[in-house]
Amino acid sequence: MGMSATSLRYRHASDRNAELRTAIATLAARYPRYGAGMIYLKLRQQGRTVNHEQIDRVYAEAQLPLRRRTRKKVPMGARQPLVRPDAA
């Protein structure tokens, strides 16, 4: 029993995404209409090697997601039966 109890306790790891979180926040502030996919592409253009799933997660944690655009409903035209040709 030579070990002390404090050495066996869990130590919280430092936030590995702190730098990435600030980079995403600055890009989102600069380009407010960009979603996680476009921010991922911007980070890749800057030369960073990042995982798109990690970007999605950090983007969602920061509560930045854009609302999906709703599609306009185009009214249907009048339906007409197909005309059968007389010859080839």
N, C-alpha and C. Protein backbone atom coordinates (compact mmCIF):
# COMPACT_ATOMS: atom_id res chain seq x y z
N MET A 1 0.81 -1.18 0.00
CA MET A 1 0.00 0.00 0.00
C MET A 1 0.86 1.26 0.00
N GLY A 2 1.93 1.25 -0.75
CA GLY A 2 2.83 2.39 -0.79
C GLY A 2 2.32 3.52 -1.66
N MET A 3 1.29 3.26 -2.54
CA MET A 3 0.80 4.30 -3.43
C MET A 3 -0.20 5.20 -2.71
N SER A 4 -0.15 6.46 -3.02
CA SER A 4 -1.13 7.37 -2.43
C SER A 4 -2.40 7.35 -3.28
N ALA A 5 -3.50 7.70 -2.68
CA ALA A 5 -4.79 7.65 -3.36
C ALA A 5 -4.92 8.72 -4.43
N THR A 6 -4.18 9.80 -4.31
CA THR A 6 -4.32 10.88 -5.29
C THR A 6 -3.71 10.53 -6.63
N SER A 7 -2.75 9.65 -6.69
CA SER A 7 -2.12 9.32 -7.96
C SER A 7 -3.01 8.44 -8.83
N LEU A 8 -4.00 7.79 -8.22
CA LEU A 8 -4.88 6.92 -8.99
C LEU A 8 -6.11 7.63 -9.50
N ARG A 9 -6.29 8.86 -9.13
CA ARG A 9 -7.48 9.58 -9.54
C ARG A 9 -7.40 10.00 -11.00
N TYR A 10 -8.57 10.14 -11.59
CA TYR A 10 -8.66 10.56 -12.98
C TYR A 10 -8.28 12.04 -13.11
N ARG A 11 -7.43 12.33 -14.05
CA ARG A 11 -7.09 13.73 -14.34
C ARG A 11 -7.73 14.10 -15.66
N HIS A 12 -8.48 15.17 -15.63
CA HIS A 12 -9.17 15.64 -16.83
C HIS A 12 -8.14 16.08 -17.87
N ALA A 13 -8.26 15.55 -19.08
CA ALA A 13 -7.33 15.92 -20.15
C ALA A 13 -7.63 17.34 -20.61
N SER A 14 -6.62 18.03 -21.05
CA SER A 14 -6.83 19.39 -21.53
C SER A 14 -7.63 19.35 -22.83
N ASP A 15 -8.30 20.43 -23.15
CA ASP A 15 -9.14 20.50 -24.34
C ASP A 15 -8.26 20.52 -25.58
N ARG A 16 -8.28 19.43 -26.33
CA ARG A 16 -7.46 19.34 -27.54
C ARG A 16 -8.04 20.16 -28.68
N ASN A 17 -9.32 20.51 -28.57
CA ASN A 17 -9.99 21.23 -29.66
C ASN A 17 -10.05 22.73 -29.43
N ALA A 18 -9.31 23.25 -28.47
CA ALA A 18 -9.40 24.68 -28.15
C ALA A 18 -9.00 25.54 -29.34
N GLU A 19 -7.88 25.21 -29.98
CA GLU A 19 -7.43 25.99 -31.13
C GLU A 19 -8.40 25.85 -32.29
N LEU A 20 -8.87 24.62 -32.51
CA LEU A 20 -9.83 24.37 -33.59
C LEU A 20 -11.14 25.10 -33.34
N ARG A 21 -11.57 25.14 -32.08
CA ARG A 21 -12.81 25.81 -31.71
C ARG A 21 -12.73 27.31 -32.04
N THR A 22 -11.59 27.94 -31.74
CA THR A 22 -11.44 29.37 -32.03
C THR A 22 -11.37 29.61 -33.54
N ALA A 23 -10.72 28.71 -34.27
CA ALA A 23 -10.63 28.85 -35.73
C ALA A 23 -12.01 28.74 -36.37
N ILE A 24 -12.82 27.81 -35.89
CA ILE A 24 -14.18 27.64 -36.42
C ILE A 24 -15.03 28.86 -36.09
N ALA A 25 -14.88 29.38 -34.87
CA ALA A 25 -15.67 30.54 -34.46
C ALA A 25 -15.32 31.77 -35.29
N THR A 26 -14.03 31.99 -35.59
CA THR A 26 -13.65 33.15 -36.40
C THR A 26 -14.14 33.00 -37.83
N LEU A 27 -14.06 31.78 -38.38
CA LEU A 27 -14.57 31.57 -39.75
C LEU A 27 -16.09 31.73 -39.80
N ALA A 28 -16.78 31.25 -38.78
CA ALA A 28 -18.24 31.36 -38.75
C ALA A 28 -18.67 32.81 -38.60
N ALA A 29 -17.88 33.61 -37.88
CA ALA A 29 -18.21 35.03 -37.74
C ALA A 29 -17.95 35.77 -39.05
N ARG A 30 -16.90 35.36 -39.76
CA ARG A 30 -16.55 36.01 -41.02
C ARG A 30 -17.50 35.62 -42.15
N TYR A 31 -17.89 34.34 -42.17
CA TYR A 31 -18.80 33.82 -43.20
C TYR A 31 -20.05 33.27 -42.52
N PRO A 32 -21.02 34.11 -42.20
CA PRO A 32 -22.18 33.64 -41.43
C PRO A 32 -23.06 32.64 -42.17
N ARG A 33 -23.02 32.60 -43.49
CA ARG A 33 -23.87 31.67 -44.24
C ARG A 33 -23.19 30.34 -44.51
N TYR A 34 -21.96 30.16 -44.05
CA TYR A 34 -21.26 28.90 -44.28
C TYR A 34 -21.66 27.89 -43.22
N GLY A 35 -21.89 26.69 -43.63
CA GLY A 35 -22.17 25.60 -42.70
C GLY A 35 -20.88 24.88 -42.33
N ALA A 36 -21.02 23.75 -41.69
CA ALA A 36 -19.85 23.00 -41.23
C ALA A 36 -19.02 22.51 -42.42
N GLY A 37 -19.68 22.14 -43.51
CA GLY A 37 -18.95 21.64 -44.68
C GLY A 37 -18.07 22.69 -45.32
N MET A 38 -18.59 23.90 -45.47
CA MET A 38 -17.79 24.96 -46.06
C MET A 38 -16.67 25.42 -45.12
N ILE A 39 -16.94 25.41 -43.82
CA ILE A 39 -15.89 25.77 -42.87
C ILE A 39 -14.79 24.72 -42.89
N TYR A 40 -15.18 23.46 -43.04
CA TYR A 40 -14.19 22.39 -43.18
C TYR A 40 -13.31 22.64 -44.39
N LEU A 41 -13.91 23.01 -45.51
CA LEU A 41 -13.13 23.28 -46.73
C LEU A 41 -12.21 24.48 -46.53
N LYS A 42 -12.68 25.51 -45.85
CA LYS A 42 -11.85 26.69 -45.58
C LYS A 42 -10.65 26.33 -44.72
N LEU A 43 -10.86 25.49 -43.71
CA LEU A 43 -9.76 25.06 -42.86
C LEU A 43 -8.75 24.23 -43.65
N ARG A 44 -9.23 23.41 -44.58
CA ARG A 44 -8.32 22.64 -45.43
C ARG A 44 -7.54 23.55 -46.36
N GLN A 45 -8.19 24.62 -46.85
CA GLN A 45 -7.48 25.59 -47.70
C GLN A 45 -6.38 26.31 -46.94
N GLN A 46 -6.56 26.47 -45.64
CA GLN A 46 -5.55 27.12 -44.82
C GLN A 46 -4.37 26.19 -44.54
N GLY A 47 -4.50 24.93 -44.95
CA GLY A 47 -3.40 23.99 -44.76
C GLY A 47 -3.53 23.13 -43.52
N ARG A 48 -4.65 23.18 -42.84
CA ARG A 48 -4.83 22.35 -41.65
C ARG A 48 -5.29 20.96 -42.05
N THR A 49 -4.80 19.97 -41.36
CA THR A 49 -5.29 18.61 -41.58
C THR A 49 -6.27 18.30 -40.46
N VAL A 50 -7.55 18.34 -40.81
CA VAL A 50 -8.62 18.13 -39.83
C VAL A 50 -9.58 17.09 -40.37
N ASN A 51 -10.28 16.45 -39.46
CA ASN A 51 -11.27 15.44 -39.80
C ASN A 51 -12.64 16.12 -39.91
N HIS A 52 -13.38 15.83 -40.96
CA HIS A 52 -14.68 16.50 -41.16
C HIS A 52 -15.66 16.15 -40.06
N GLU A 53 -15.55 14.95 -39.48
CA GLU A 53 -16.45 14.56 -38.40
C GLU A 53 -16.16 15.39 -37.14
N GLN A 54 -14.88 15.66 -36.92
CA GLN A 54 -14.49 16.49 -35.78
C GLN A 54 -15.02 17.91 -35.96
N ILE A 55 -14.93 18.43 -37.19
CA ILE A 55 -15.45 19.76 -37.49
C ILE A 55 -16.95 19.80 -37.23
N ASP A 56 -17.67 18.77 -37.70
CA ASP A 56 -19.12 18.71 -37.49
C ASP A 56 -19.46 18.76 -36.00
N ARG A 57 -18.73 17.99 -35.20
CA ARG A 57 -19.01 17.91 -33.77
C ARG A 57 -18.74 19.23 -33.07
N VAL A 58 -17.56 19.83 -33.35
CA VAL A 58 -17.20 21.10 -32.70
C VAL A 58 -18.14 22.21 -33.15
N TYR A 59 -18.53 22.19 -34.43
CA TYR A 59 -19.46 23.18 -34.99
C TYR A 59 -20.81 23.10 -34.29
N ALA A 60 -21.29 21.87 -34.07
CA ALA A 60 -22.58 21.68 -33.41
C ALA A 60 -22.50 22.04 -31.93
N GLU A 61 -21.37 21.74 -31.27
CA GLU A 61 -21.21 22.08 -29.85
C GLU A 61 -21.23 23.59 -29.64
N ALA A 62 -20.72 24.33 -30.63
CA ALA A 62 -20.70 25.79 -30.53
C ALA A 62 -22.06 26.40 -30.85
N GLN A 63 -23.04 25.55 -31.15
CA GLN A 63 -24.41 25.97 -31.48
C GLN A 63 -24.44 26.94 -32.65
N LEU A 64 -23.67 26.60 -33.69
CA LEU A 64 -23.61 27.43 -34.89
C LEU A 64 -24.48 26.94 -36.04
N PRO A 65 -25.04 25.73 -35.99
CA PRO A 65 -25.69 25.20 -37.18
C PRO A 65 -26.75 26.12 -37.78
N LEU A 66 -26.71 26.19 -39.09
CA LEU A 66 -27.69 26.99 -39.84
C LEU A 66 -28.99 26.22 -39.98
N ARG A 67 -30.07 26.94 -40.11
CA ARG A 67 -31.34 26.28 -40.38
C ARG A 67 -31.34 25.84 -41.83
N ARG A 68 -31.92 24.71 -42.07
CA ARG A 68 -32.04 24.23 -43.44
C ARG A 68 -33.04 25.10 -44.19
N ARG A 69 -32.73 25.37 -45.43
CA ARG A 69 -33.66 26.17 -46.23
C ARG A 69 -34.83 25.29 -46.65
N THR A 70 -36.02 25.84 -46.57
CA THR A 70 -37.19 25.09 -47.01
C THR A 70 -37.38 25.33 -48.50
N ARG A 71 -37.73 24.29 -49.19
CA ARG A 71 -37.90 24.39 -50.63
C ARG A 71 -39.26 24.99 -50.95
N LYS A 72 -39.31 25.76 -52.03
CA LYS A 72 -40.58 26.32 -52.47
C LYS A 72 -41.39 25.21 -53.13
N LYS A 73 -42.66 25.21 -52.88
CA LYS A 73 -43.52 24.23 -53.53
C LYS A 73 -44.04 24.83 -54.83
N VAL A 74 -43.67 24.21 -55.92
CA VAL A 74 -44.10 24.69 -57.23
C VAL A 74 -45.41 23.99 -57.56
N PRO A 75 -46.43 24.75 -57.95
CA PRO A 75 -47.71 24.10 -58.25
C PRO A 75 -47.58 23.18 -59.46
N MET A 76 -48.30 22.06 -59.41
CA MET A 76 -48.28 21.09 -60.50
C MET A 76 -49.06 21.64 -61.69
N GLY A 77 -48.56 21.36 -62.88
CA GLY A 77 -49.27 21.74 -64.09
C GLY A 77 -50.41 20.78 -64.35
N ALA A 78 -51.24 21.10 -65.33
CA ALA A 78 -52.36 20.21 -65.68
C ALA A 78 -51.80 18.96 -66.34
N ARG A 79 -52.23 17.79 -65.87
CA ARG A 79 -51.74 16.53 -66.42
C ARG A 79 -52.50 16.21 -67.72
N GLN A 80 -51.74 15.68 -68.69
CA GLN A 80 -52.34 15.30 -69.97
C GLN A 80 -51.91 13.88 -70.31
N PRO A 81 -52.78 13.10 -70.85
CA PRO A 81 -52.39 11.73 -71.20
C PRO A 81 -51.38 11.73 -72.36
N LEU A 82 -50.52 10.71 -72.39
CA LEU A 82 -49.54 10.60 -73.47
C LEU A 82 -50.25 10.29 -74.79
N VAL A 83 -49.76 10.90 -75.87
CA VAL A 83 -50.34 10.68 -77.18
C VAL A 83 -49.57 9.53 -77.84
N ARG A 84 -50.31 8.51 -78.30
CA ARG A 84 -49.67 7.35 -78.92
C ARG A 84 -49.37 7.69 -80.40
N PRO A 85 -48.08 7.52 -80.81
CA PRO A 85 -47.74 7.85 -82.21
C PRO A 85 -48.40 6.86 -83.19
N ASP A 86 -48.71 7.36 -84.42
CA ASP A 86 -49.32 6.52 -85.44
C ASP A 86 -48.30 5.64 -86.12
N ALA A 87 -47.06 6.13 -86.27
CA ALA A 87 -46.01 5.36 -86.95
C ALA A 87 -44.69 5.60 -86.25
N ALA A 88 -43.71 4.75 -86.56
CA ALA A 88 -42.39 4.87 -85.94
C ALA A 88 -41.65 6.09 -86.46
